[in-house]
Amino acid sequence: MGIFVFLPLVLPLSAWPVARLAELHLHPRTATRLLTAVAVVMAVCSTLCLALLMVVGTAQLPGNPLPDGWSDPEVRAAVPYDGIAGRAAIPALGAVATACCHALWRHRRVTRRARRALTGLRGRRVVVLPDGTPYAYALPGGRGRIVVTTALLAGLGPAERRALFAHERAHLAARHHRHLLALGLAARANPFLRPLRSAVLYTAERWADEEAAHAVGDRRVVARAIGRAALLTPAAPTPAPPTLPALAAAGPVPRRVAALLAPAPAVRRWPPVSTAVGAAAWGAAAGALVSAMSSANSAVTLFLVLNAATSL
């Protein structure tokens, strides 16, 4: 396996350039899908890398939970050994598992709490809560629901309200909560992927902004709705679940407004390699591919070594 087993741990650094360039130059839909795919692949590979290091590094330790057929000293001697990395991989893998389980539990808890709060209002896709705190968010599940408070609606004009609902419907239609959850788990599996999570928080909102602008037919109305919602939303956390997309809760609002006041971005599924963003995107995709190949090579190599050793 050699040093290649360590590559998936550091290759996520290769995706950093595309995170910033994707925000600025790619269509938000393309950027969201690209960054989510790259982050998930790299997170899975880095976690597999930790698991392989744990097996390799602890293969010669007494009490190692290897199968009975691998307990022979000759088998253990045949396994590539790196005690320092193996011992370090044990707490690292435990920390990753704990962080991901906690993130899933928290997401499930806040989503269930939000659904329980709307138990008596079943059958309504749009729920207006009599609350003095202005906020709105898209709640997935079934056909999805849009939750908005009277305080926010009171601060928006009729056209801006249409933009608000179009924005939240876009979140539900594109299932942006899945992208955000996947990026949240990936960032916990490998901290080097946190810039990609921050980028997707922004591009998912921009994707919904563009869909709302298309539905309303006026980009300035959507920009005005986002700006007013941001001014109305308090600095303190709102009751909206943090893992769910909201109108003015994610992404730099001035950048989103400026993007809506500019011409609509070109819909291009993949940028040409001759451009800076194209080179970065291809580089991130190549990094994800190399990470996957490295993880697969290390896993197959370890399996073949153990398989051959058990026949001794």
Protein backbone atom coordinates (compact mmCIF):
# COMPACT_ATOMS: atom_id res chain seq x y z
CA MET A 1 0.00 0.00 0.00
CA GLY A 2 2.81 2.37 0.85
CA ILE A 3 2.31 6.08 1.04
CA PHE A 4 -0.68 5.95 -1.31
CA VAL A 5 -2.92 4.95 1.59
CA PHE A 6 -2.37 8.43 3.07
CA LEU A 7 -3.41 10.32 -0.08
CA PRO A 8 -7.17 10.38 0.61
CA LEU A 9 -6.48 12.23 3.86
CA VAL A 10 -4.82 15.19 2.16
CA LEU A 11 -6.29 15.17 -1.36
CA PRO A 12 -9.35 17.19 -0.21
CA LEU A 13 -6.97 20.17 -0.22
CA SER A 14 -7.06 19.96 -4.03
CA ALA A 15 -10.76 20.87 -3.97
CA TRP A 16 -10.24 24.19 -2.19
CA PRO A 17 -9.60 26.27 -5.35
CA VAL A 18 -12.77 25.08 -7.05
CA ALA A 19 -14.88 26.00 -4.03
CA ARG A 20 -14.22 29.72 -4.45
CA LEU A 21 -14.20 29.69 -8.25
CA ALA A 22 -17.42 27.67 -8.40
CA GLU A 23 -19.21 30.26 -6.28
CA LEU A 24 -18.21 33.03 -8.66
CA HIS A 25 -18.24 31.49 -12.13
CA LEU A 26 -20.31 28.29 -12.29
CA HIS A 27 -24.07 28.18 -12.51
CA PRO A 28 -25.31 27.60 -8.93
CA ARG A 29 -26.96 24.31 -9.87
CA THR A 30 -23.77 22.97 -11.44
CA ALA A 31 -21.63 24.22 -8.56
CA THR A 32 -23.87 22.64 -5.92
CA ARG A 33 -23.91 19.26 -7.60
CA LEU A 34 -20.20 19.26 -8.41
CA LEU A 35 -19.06 20.28 -4.93
CA THR A 36 -21.43 17.84 -3.24
CA ALA A 37 -20.23 14.92 -5.37
CA VAL A 38 -16.55 15.76 -4.83
CA ALA A 39 -16.99 16.19 -1.08
CA VAL A 40 -18.90 12.93 -0.63
CA VAL A 41 -16.38 10.89 -2.63
CA MET A 42 -13.42 12.37 -0.78
CA ALA A 43 -15.06 11.96 2.63
CA VAL A 44 -15.82 8.29 1.98
CA CYS A 45 -12.28 7.68 0.75
CA SER A 46 -10.63 9.42 3.72
CA THR A 47 -12.78 7.43 6.15
CA LEU A 48 -11.85 4.20 4.37
CA CYS A 49 -8.22 5.30 4.60
CA LEU A 50 -8.50 5.63 8.38
CA ALA A 51 -10.09 2.19 8.60
CA LEU A 52 -7.28 0.63 6.55
CA LEU A 53 -4.64 2.37 8.65
CA MET A 54 -6.28 1.05 11.79
CA VAL A 55 -6.20 -2.53 10.50
CA VAL A 56 -2.66 -2.23 9.17
CA GLY A 57 -1.32 -0.44 12.22
CA THR A 58 -2.80 -2.76 14.81
CA ALA A 59 -2.46 -6.10 13.00
CA GLN A 60 0.45 -7.17 15.21
CA LEU A 61 -1.04 -6.02 18.51
CA PRO A 62 -2.29 -8.69 20.95
CA GLY A 63 -6.06 -8.92 21.06
CA ASN A 64 -6.53 -7.45 17.60
CA PRO A 65 -10.07 -8.33 16.47
CA LEU A 66 -9.00 -10.04 13.25
CA PRO A 67 -10.77 -13.24 12.17
CA ASP A 68 -9.45 -16.49 13.64
CA GLY A 69 -7.80 -17.43 10.37
CA TRP A 70 -5.66 -14.28 10.55
CA SER A 71 -4.47 -14.74 14.12
CA ASP A 72 -1.44 -16.77 13.18
CA PRO A 73 1.85 -14.88 13.80
CA GLU A 74 2.92 -15.51 10.19
CA VAL A 75 -0.25 -13.85 8.97
CA ARG A 76 0.25 -10.85 11.19
CA ALA A 77 3.86 -10.61 10.05
CA ALA A 78 2.73 -10.56 6.40
CA VAL A 79 0.50 -7.53 6.90
CA PRO A 80 2.20 -4.17 6.20
CA TYR A 81 2.76 -2.56 9.57
CA ASP A 82 2.73 1.05 10.70
CA GLY A 83 2.13 1.16 14.40
CA ILE A 84 2.18 4.95 14.85
CA ALA A 85 -0.33 5.64 12.08
CA GLY A 86 -2.46 2.69 13.14
CA ARG A 87 -2.69 3.80 16.75
CA ALA A 88 -3.46 7.38 15.66
CA ALA A 89 -6.15 6.12 13.27
CA ILE A 90 -8.13 4.50 16.10
CA PRO A 91 -9.13 7.71 17.93
CA ALA A 92 -9.41 9.57 14.61
CA LEU A 93 -11.86 7.01 13.24
CA GLY A 94 -13.77 7.05 16.52
CA ALA A 95 -13.99 10.85 16.38
CA VAL A 96 -15.29 10.73 12.80
CA ALA A 97 -17.93 8.14 13.67
CA THR A 98 -19.01 10.10 16.75
CA ALA A 99 -19.20 13.41 14.88
CA CYS A 100 -21.20 11.95 11.99
CA CYS A 101 -23.61 10.13 14.30
CA HIS A 102 -24.12 13.30 16.32
CA ALA A 103 -24.79 15.31 13.14
CA LEU A 104 -27.35 12.76 11.93
CA TRP A 105 -29.00 12.62 15.35
CA ARG A 106 -29.17 16.41 15.55
CA HIS A 107 -30.61 16.72 12.04
CA ARG A 108 -33.22 14.08 12.79
CA ARG A 109 -34.08 15.65 16.14
CA VAL A 110 -34.61 19.18 14.84
CA THR A 111 -36.57 17.93 11.83
CA ARG A 112 -38.86 15.82 14.00
CA ARG A 113 -39.32 18.74 16.39
CA ALA A 114 -40.29 20.99 13.49
CA ARG A 115 -42.76 18.42 12.16
CA ARG A 116 -44.30 17.87 15.59
CA ALA A 117 -44.84 21.61 15.90
CA LEU A 118 -46.96 21.45 12.74
CA THR A 119 -48.91 18.32 13.68
CA GLY A 120 -52.24 20.10 13.87
CA LEU A 121 -51.75 21.75 10.48
CA ARG A 122 -51.49 18.69 8.27
CA GLY A 123 -52.54 18.95 4.66
CA ARG A 124 -51.14 22.44 4.23
CA ARG A 125 -48.08 22.91 2.08
CA VAL A 126 -47.68 26.49 3.27
CA VAL A 127 -47.86 27.03 7.03
CA VAL A 128 -48.09 30.57 8.38
CA LEU A 129 -47.18 30.74 12.05
CA PRO A 130 -48.38 33.64 14.24
CA ASP A 131 -44.90 34.47 15.47
CA GLY A 132 -43.29 37.84 16.09
CA THR A 133 -39.90 36.50 14.94
CA PRO A 134 -39.47 36.85 11.16
CA TYR A 135 -38.19 33.68 9.51
CA ALA A 136 -39.04 31.16 6.81
CA TYR A 137 -37.67 27.77 5.86
CA ALA A 138 -38.41 24.71 3.74
CA LEU A 139 -39.28 21.57 5.71
CA PRO A 140 -38.72 18.33 3.72
CA GLY A 141 -40.78 15.18 4.05
CA GLY A 142 -43.45 13.91 1.70
CA ARG A 143 -44.24 16.72 -0.69
CA GLY A 144 -42.48 19.18 1.61
CA ARG A 145 -43.83 22.19 3.45
CA ILE A 146 -42.99 25.88 3.60
CA VAL A 147 -43.01 27.46 7.05
CA VAL A 148 -43.19 31.24 7.33
CA THR A 149 -44.16 33.60 10.13
CA THR A 150 -46.59 36.48 10.07
CA ALA A 151 -43.80 38.84 11.10
CA LEU A 152 -41.85 38.11 7.92
CA LEU A 153 -44.90 38.30 5.64
CA ALA A 154 -45.85 41.65 7.16
CA GLY A 155 -42.49 43.08 6.17
CA LEU A 156 -42.73 42.00 2.52
CA GLY A 157 -44.85 43.32 -0.31
CA PRO A 158 -47.09 41.08 -2.47
CA ALA A 159 -44.46 40.57 -5.18
CA GLU A 160 -41.77 39.88 -2.60
CA ARG A 161 -44.00 37.29 -0.93
CA ARG A 162 -44.32 35.49 -4.26
CA ALA A 163 -40.53 35.54 -4.52
CA LEU A 164 -40.25 34.14 -0.99
CA PHE A 165 -42.54 31.20 -1.71
CA ALA A 166 -40.87 30.53 -5.07
CA HIS A 167 -37.49 30.48 -3.32
CA GLU A 168 -38.62 27.95 -0.71
CA ARG A 169 -40.39 25.80 -3.31
CA ALA A 170 -37.11 25.66 -5.23
CA HIS A 171 -35.36 24.35 -2.12
CA LEU A 172 -37.93 21.58 -1.79
CA ALA A 173 -37.94 20.67 -5.48
CA ALA A 174 -34.15 20.40 -5.65
CA ARG A 175 -33.92 18.65 -2.25
CA HIS A 176 -31.24 21.03 -1.05
CA HIS A 177 -31.48 19.64 2.47
CA ARG A 178 -29.82 16.47 1.19
CA HIS A 179 -26.91 18.43 -0.24
CA LEU A 180 -26.49 20.33 3.03
CA LEU A 181 -26.65 17.17 5.12
CA ALA A 182 -24.17 15.36 2.86
CA LEU A 183 -21.73 18.26 3.04
CA GLY A 184 -22.17 18.48 6.81
CA LEU A 185 -21.25 14.82 7.19
CA ALA A 186 -18.35 15.14 4.76
CA ALA A 187 -16.93 18.11 6.67
CA ARG A 188 -17.03 16.07 9.88
CA ALA A 189 -15.35 13.11 8.21
CA ASN A 190 -12.51 15.30 6.95
CA PRO A 191 -12.04 18.90 8.21
CA PHE A 192 -10.28 19.80 4.95
CA LEU A 193 -13.71 19.64 3.28
CA ARG A 194 -15.20 22.47 5.34
CA PRO A 195 -14.59 25.11 2.60
CA LEU A 196 -16.74 23.00 0.26
CA ARG A 197 -19.53 22.96 2.82
CA SER A 198 -19.41 26.75 3.13
CA ALA A 199 -19.46 27.05 -0.65
CA VAL A 200 -22.51 24.80 -1.01
CA LEU A 201 -24.37 26.75 1.68
CA TYR A 202 -24.01 29.71 -0.66
CA THR A 203 -24.55 27.99 -4.03
CA ALA A 204 -27.69 26.20 -2.84
CA GLU A 205 -29.20 29.54 -1.87
CA ARG A 206 -28.12 31.03 -5.20
CA TRP A 207 -29.71 28.08 -7.01
CA ALA A 208 -33.00 28.78 -5.23
CA ASP A 209 -32.59 32.50 -5.97
CA GLU A 210 -32.27 31.83 -9.69
CA GLU A 211 -35.25 29.47 -9.70
CA ALA A 212 -37.33 32.08 -7.87
CA ALA A 213 -36.25 34.78 -10.33
CA HIS A 214 -37.32 32.54 -13.21
CA ALA A 215 -40.68 31.81 -11.57
CA VAL A 216 -41.42 35.44 -10.66
CA GLY A 217 -40.01 36.86 -13.88
CA ASP A 218 -38.18 39.74 -12.18
CA ARG A 219 -34.70 39.37 -10.71
CA ARG A 220 -34.95 42.70 -8.88
CA VAL A 221 -38.03 41.58 -6.97
CA VAL A 222 -36.18 38.52 -5.68
CA ALA A 223 -33.16 40.64 -4.76
CA ARG A 224 -35.41 43.04 -2.89
CA ALA A 225 -37.16 40.20 -1.06
CA ILE A 226 -33.82 38.74 0.07
CA GLY A 227 -32.56 42.12 1.21
CA ARG A 228 -35.69 42.93 3.19
CA ALA A 229 -35.83 39.46 4.73
CA ALA A 230 -32.20 39.85 5.83
CA LEU A 231 -32.95 43.22 7.42
CA LEU A 232 -35.98 41.80 9.22
CA THR A 233 -34.24 38.64 10.42
CA PRO A 234 -32.63 39.15 13.83
CA ALA A 235 -28.97 38.46 14.44
CA ALA A 236 -29.84 35.84 17.06
CA PRO A 237 -30.62 32.29 15.89
CA THR A 238 -34.19 31.77 14.75
CA PRO A 239 -36.36 28.72 15.42
CA ALA A 240 -35.66 27.50 11.87
CA PRO A 241 -33.77 24.18 11.90
CA PRO A 242 -30.10 24.94 11.15
CA THR A 243 -29.75 22.05 8.70
CA LEU A 244 -32.60 23.27 6.50
CA PRO A 245 -32.38 26.00 3.85
CA ALA A 246 -33.91 29.38 4.61
CA LEU A 247 -34.40 32.58 2.61
CA ALA A 248 -31.86 34.85 4.32
CA ALA A 249 -30.11 32.54 6.74
CA ALA A 250 -27.32 31.18 4.54
CA GLY A 251 -24.78 32.72 2.25
CA PRO A 252 -23.54 36.32 2.15
CA VAL A 253 -26.69 38.30 1.43
CA PRO A 254 -24.92 41.24 -0.33
CA ARG A 255 -23.29 38.81 -2.77
CA ARG A 256 -26.59 37.12 -3.48
CA VAL A 257 -28.32 40.45 -4.07
CA ALA A 258 -25.50 41.63 -6.34
CA ALA A 259 -25.70 38.39 -8.34
CA LEU A 260 -29.44 38.88 -8.84
CA LEU A 261 -28.94 42.46 -9.99
CA ALA A 262 -26.48 41.19 -12.61
CA PRO A 263 -27.50 39.23 -15.73
CA ALA A 264 -28.56 35.63 -15.21
CA PRO A 265 -25.64 33.16 -15.22
CA ALA A 266 -25.18 31.01 -18.27
CA VAL A 267 -26.45 27.46 -17.90
CA ARG A 268 -23.39 25.40 -18.72
CA ARG A 269 -23.11 21.92 -17.31
CA TRP A 270 -19.31 21.73 -17.36
CA PRO A 271 -16.80 24.56 -17.88
CA PRO A 272 -14.08 24.26 -20.54
CA VAL A 273 -10.66 23.28 -19.22
CA SER A 274 -9.08 26.34 -20.83
CA THR A 275 -10.66 28.62 -18.19
CA ALA A 276 -9.54 29.04 -14.58
CA VAL A 277 -12.76 27.64 -13.17
CA GLY A 278 -12.64 24.78 -15.67
CA ALA A 279 -9.10 23.88 -14.66
CA ALA A 280 -10.10 24.00 -10.99
CA ALA A 281 -13.20 21.88 -11.59
CA TRP A 282 -11.27 19.29 -13.55
CA GLY A 283 -8.59 19.36 -10.84
CA ALA A 284 -11.14 18.72 -8.11
CA ALA A 285 -12.69 15.91 -10.14
CA ALA A 286 -9.24 14.43 -10.75
CA GLY A 287 -8.45 14.68 -7.04
CA ALA A 288 -11.65 12.83 -6.20
CA LEU A 289 -10.82 10.16 -8.79
CA VAL A 290 -7.26 9.72 -7.50
CA SER A 291 -8.59 9.53 -3.95
CA ALA A 292 -11.07 6.82 -4.94
CA MET A 293 -8.43 4.87 -6.87
CA SER A 294 -5.95 5.13 -4.00
CA SER A 295 -8.50 3.90 -1.47
CA ALA A 296 -9.58 1.05 -3.73
CA ASN A 297 -5.96 0.07 -4.43
CA SER A 298 -5.10 0.04 -0.72
CA ALA A 299 -8.19 -1.97 0.18
CA VAL A 300 -7.61 -4.54 -2.57
CA THR A 301 -3.92 -4.80 -1.68
CA LEU A 302 -4.68 -5.44 1.99
CA PHE A 303 -7.32 -8.01 1.07
CA LEU A 304 -4.93 -9.84 -1.27
CA VAL A 305 -2.17 -9.83 1.34
CA LEU A 306 -4.45 -11.25 4.01
CA ASN A 307 -6.00 -13.73 1.59
CA ALA A 308 -2.59 -14.99 0.51
CA ALA A 309 -1.27 -15.06 4.06
CA THR A 310 -4.13 -17.20 5.35
CA SER A 311 -3.14 -19.96 2.95
CA LEU A 312 0.33 -20.24 4.51
